[in-house]
C-alpha atoms as a PDB file:
ATOM      1  CA  MET A   1      15.070 -25.681  -2.641  1.00  0.00           C
ATOM      2  CA  THR A   2      18.016 -25.652  -5.000  1.00  0.00           C
ATOM      3  CA  THR A   3      20.084 -23.437  -6.895  1.00  0.00           C
ATOM      4  CA  THR A   4      21.812 -23.870  -9.924  1.00  0.00           C
ATOM      5  CA  GLY A   5      24.663 -21.654  -8.937  1.00  0.00           C
ATOM      6  CA  ALA A   6      26.035 -17.728  -9.103  1.00  0.00           C
ATOM      7  CA  GLN A   7      25.516 -17.431 -12.992  1.00  0.00           C
ATOM      8  CA  THR A   8      24.890 -13.502 -12.655  1.00  0.00           C
ATOM      9  CA  ILE A   9      27.203 -10.727 -11.590  1.00  0.00           C
ATOM     10  CA  LEU A  10      25.718  -7.331 -11.371  1.00  0.00           C
ATOM     11  CA  TYR A  11      27.829  -4.204 -10.768  1.00  0.00           C
ATOM     12  CA  PRO A  12      26.392  -0.834  -9.808  1.00  0.00           C
ATOM     13  CA  VAL A  13      27.808   1.884 -11.848  1.00  0.00           C
ATOM     14  CA  LYS A  14      27.571   5.569 -11.555  1.00  0.00           C
ATOM     15  CA  ASP A  15      28.918   6.407 -15.115  1.00  0.00           C
ATOM     16  CA  LEU A  16      27.317   3.873 -17.534  1.00  0.00           C
ATOM     17  CA  GLU A  17      29.016   4.816 -20.594  1.00  0.00           C
ATOM     18  CA  LYS A  18      32.282   4.800 -19.231  1.00  0.00           C
ATOM     19  CA  ALA A  19      31.872   1.299 -17.422  1.00  0.00           C
ATOM     20  CA  LYS A  20      30.391   0.009 -20.634  1.00  0.00           C
ATOM     21  CA  ALA A  21      33.638   0.861 -22.280  1.00  0.00           C
ATOM     22  CA  LEU A  22      35.682  -0.965 -19.699  1.00  0.00           C
ATOM     23  CA  PHE A  23      33.555  -3.990 -19.696  1.00  0.00           C
ATOM     24  CA  THR A  24      33.486  -4.049 -23.618  1.00  0.00           C
ATOM     25  CA  ALA A  25      37.495  -3.903 -23.253  1.00  0.00           C
ATOM     26  CA  LEU A  26      37.879  -6.561 -20.775  1.00  0.00           C
ATOM     27  CA  LEU A  27      35.287  -9.032 -21.913  1.00  0.00           C
ATOM     28  CA  GLY A  28      36.391  -8.643 -25.662  1.00  0.00           C
ATOM     29  CA  VAL A  29      32.736  -8.933 -26.578  1.00  0.00           C
ATOM     30  CA  GLU A  30      29.675  -6.183 -27.341  1.00  0.00           C
ATOM     31  CA  PRO A  31      26.871  -5.988 -24.988  1.00  0.00           C
ATOM     32  CA  GLU A  32      23.692  -8.143 -25.578  1.00  0.00           C
ATOM     33  CA  ILE A  33      21.422  -5.974 -23.856  1.00  0.00           C
ATOM     34  CA  ASP A  34      22.231  -2.287 -24.329  1.00  0.00           C
ATOM     35  CA  GLU A  35      19.868   0.209 -22.828  1.00  0.00           C
ATOM     36  CA  PRO A  36      19.858   3.419 -20.388  1.00  0.00           C
ATOM     37  CA  TYR A  37      18.795   1.377 -17.680  1.00  0.00           C
ATOM     38  CA  TYR A  38      21.058  -1.891 -17.838  1.00  0.00           C
ATOM     39  CA  VAL A  39      23.993  -2.945 -19.954  1.00  0.00           C
ATOM     40  CA  GLY A  40      24.369  -6.783 -20.059  1.00  0.00           C
ATOM     41  CA  TYR A  41      27.047  -9.336 -21.503  1.00  0.00           C
ATOM     42  CA  VAL A  42      27.301 -12.917 -21.740  1.00  0.00           C
ATOM     43  CA  VAL A  43      30.826 -14.740 -21.620  1.00  0.00           C
ATOM     44  CA  ALA A  44      31.269 -18.290 -21.318  1.00  0.00           C
ATOM     45  CA  GLY A  45      27.677 -18.615 -19.843  1.00  0.00           C
ATOM     46  CA  GLN A  46      28.302 -15.995 -17.315  1.00  0.00           C
ATOM     47  CA  HIS A  47      26.093 -13.011 -17.527  1.00  0.00           C
ATOM     48  CA  ILE A  48      27.536  -9.916 -16.086  1.00  0.00           C
ATOM     49  CA  GLY A  49      25.197  -6.862 -15.895  1.00  0.00           C
ATOM     50  CA  LEU A  50      25.930  -3.101 -15.143  1.00  0.00           C
ATOM     51  CA  ASP A  51      22.994  -1.500 -13.167  1.00  0.00           C
ATOM     52  CA  PRO A  52      23.017   2.538 -13.456  1.00  0.00           C
ATOM     53  CA  ASN A  53      20.541   2.337 -10.641  1.00  0.00           C
ATOM     54  CA  GLY A  54      22.453  -0.533  -8.255  1.00  0.00           C
ATOM     55  CA  HIS A  55      23.647   1.669  -5.732  1.00  0.00           C
ATOM     56  CA  ALA A  56      19.699   3.216  -5.186  1.00  0.00           C
ATOM     57  CA  LYS A  57      18.888  -0.640  -4.981  1.00  0.00           C
ATOM     58  CA  GLY A  58      21.267  -0.999  -2.048  1.00  0.00           C
ATOM     59  CA  LEU A  59      24.076  -2.505  -3.962  1.00  0.00           C
ATOM     60  CA  THR A  60      27.584  -1.666  -2.613  1.00  0.00           C
ATOM     61  CA  GLY A  61      29.810  -3.755  -4.954  1.00  0.00           C
ATOM     62  CA  PRO A  62      29.665  -6.642  -7.621  1.00  0.00           C
ATOM     63  CA  THR A  63      27.226  -8.921  -6.311  1.00  0.00           C
ATOM     64  CA  PRO A  64      26.533 -12.609  -7.627  1.00  0.00           C
ATOM     65  CA  TYR A  65      23.035 -13.522  -8.080  1.00  0.00           C
ATOM     66  CA  TRP A  66      22.424 -16.968  -7.510  1.00  0.00           C
ATOM     67  CA  HIS A  67      19.871 -19.025  -9.717  1.00  0.00           C
ATOM     68  CA  VAL A  68      16.927 -20.400  -8.030  1.00  0.00           C
ATOM     69  CA  GLU A  69      13.802 -22.165  -8.738  1.00  0.00           C
ATOM     70  CA  ASP A  70      11.315 -20.811  -6.196  1.00  0.00           C
ATOM     71  CA  ILE A  71      12.366 -17.162  -5.407  1.00  0.00           C
ATOM     72  CA  GLU A  72       9.596 -16.552  -2.600  1.00  0.00           C
ATOM     73  CA  GLY A  73      10.885 -19.884  -0.985  1.00  0.00           C
ATOM     74  CA  MET A  74      14.417 -19.301  -1.088  1.00  0.00           C
ATOM     75  CA  CYS A  75      13.916 -15.605   0.206  1.00  0.00           C
ATOM     76  CA  ARG A  76      11.613 -17.152   3.319  1.00  0.00           C
ATOM     77  CA  ALA A  77      14.534 -19.385   4.016  1.00  0.00           C
ATOM     78  CA  LEU A  78      17.400 -17.084   3.799  1.00  0.00           C
ATOM     79  CA  LEU A  79      15.397 -14.651   6.052  1.00  0.00           C
ATOM     80  CA  ALA A  80      14.427 -17.764   8.537  1.00  0.00           C
ATOM     81  CA  ALA A  81      18.221 -18.156   8.962  1.00  0.00           C
ATOM     82  CA  GLY A  82      19.229 -14.702   9.644  1.00  0.00           C
ATOM     83  CA  GLY A  83      19.480 -12.746   6.490  1.00  0.00           C
ATOM     84  CA  GLU A  84      17.998  -9.322   6.129  1.00  0.00           C
ATOM     85  CA  THR A  85      15.863  -7.984   2.836  1.00  0.00           C
ATOM     86  CA  VAL A  86      17.617  -5.365   0.833  1.00  0.00           C
ATOM     87  CA  GLN A  87      15.417  -5.795  -2.317  1.00  0.00           C
ATOM     88  CA  GLU A  88      12.144  -7.081  -2.467  1.00  0.00           C
ATOM     89  CA  ILE A  89      11.264  -9.365  -5.261  1.00  0.00           C
ATOM     90  CA  GLN A  90      10.453  -7.577  -8.529  1.00  0.00           C
ATOM     91  CA  GLU A  91       9.786  -8.577 -11.995  1.00  0.00           C
ATOM     92  CA  VAL A  92      12.716  -7.176 -14.123  1.00  0.00           C
ATOM     93  CA  GLY A  93      11.294  -7.984 -17.591  1.00  0.00           C
ATOM     94  CA  GLY A  94      10.312 -11.192 -19.470  1.00  0.00           C
ATOM     95  CA  GLY A  95       9.095 -12.903 -16.520  1.00  0.00           C
ATOM     96  CA  ARG A  96      12.494 -12.919 -14.651  1.00  0.00           C
ATOM     97  CA  ARG A  97      12.528 -11.821 -10.996  1.00  0.00           C
ATOM     98  CA  ILE A  98      15.039 -10.805  -8.641  1.00  0.00           C
ATOM     99  CA  ALA A  99      15.644  -9.983  -5.109  1.00  0.00           C
ATOM    100  CA  SER A 100      18.727  -9.534  -2.360  1.00  0.00           C
ATOM    101  CA  VAL A 101      19.637 -10.340   1.225  1.00  0.00           C
ATOM    102  CA  ARG A 102      22.333  -9.351   3.332  1.00  0.00           C
ATOM    103  CA  ASP A 103      23.672 -11.915   5.547  1.00  0.00           C
ATOM    104  CA  ALA A 104      24.846 -11.262   8.913  1.00  0.00           C
ATOM    105  CA  ASP A 105      28.486 -10.202   7.671  1.00  0.00           C
ATOM    106  CA  GLY A 106      26.502  -7.615   5.590  1.00  0.00           C
ATOM    107  CA  SER A 107      27.305  -9.189   2.278  1.00  0.00           C
ATOM    108  CA  LEU A 108      24.942  -9.227  -0.330  1.00  0.00           C
ATOM    109  CA  LEU A 109      23.559 -12.402  -2.060  1.00  0.00           C
ATOM    110  CA  GLY A 110      21.269 -11.507  -5.196  1.00  0.00           C
ATOM    111  CA  LEU A 111      18.508 -14.242  -6.241  1.00  0.00           C
ATOM    112  CA  LEU A 112      17.310 -14.412  -9.610  1.00  0.00           C
ATOM    113  CA  GLN A 113      14.353 -16.719 -11.139  1.00  0.00           C
ATOM    114  CA  ASP A 114      13.652 -17.351 -14.464  1.00  0.00           C
ATOM    115  CA  PRO A 115      10.265 -17.842 -15.962  1.00  0.00           C
END
């Protein structure tokens, strides 16, 4: 199993409009995705996402999402290595699938597989 790196960072937000204003000012670009359920930016190949439902999904702060080729296999490997499932694998649109695992120290590891 391989990863192409942590190319996506998701931020759980409580007020999407305030967060969008702040990140637009910080990044200097308008969002590429601007929906009530998610706002996403791409800057220098890095995807930054604002998730108003992130806290309900177990996100406690900014979470790196590691891009993987086999999300099922990577989840099994991380659980076998002592990780704990936080968010089961789910499709989030366009064939993209995500999941998250907590390591022994409580840090969240997001996993993302594109179609």
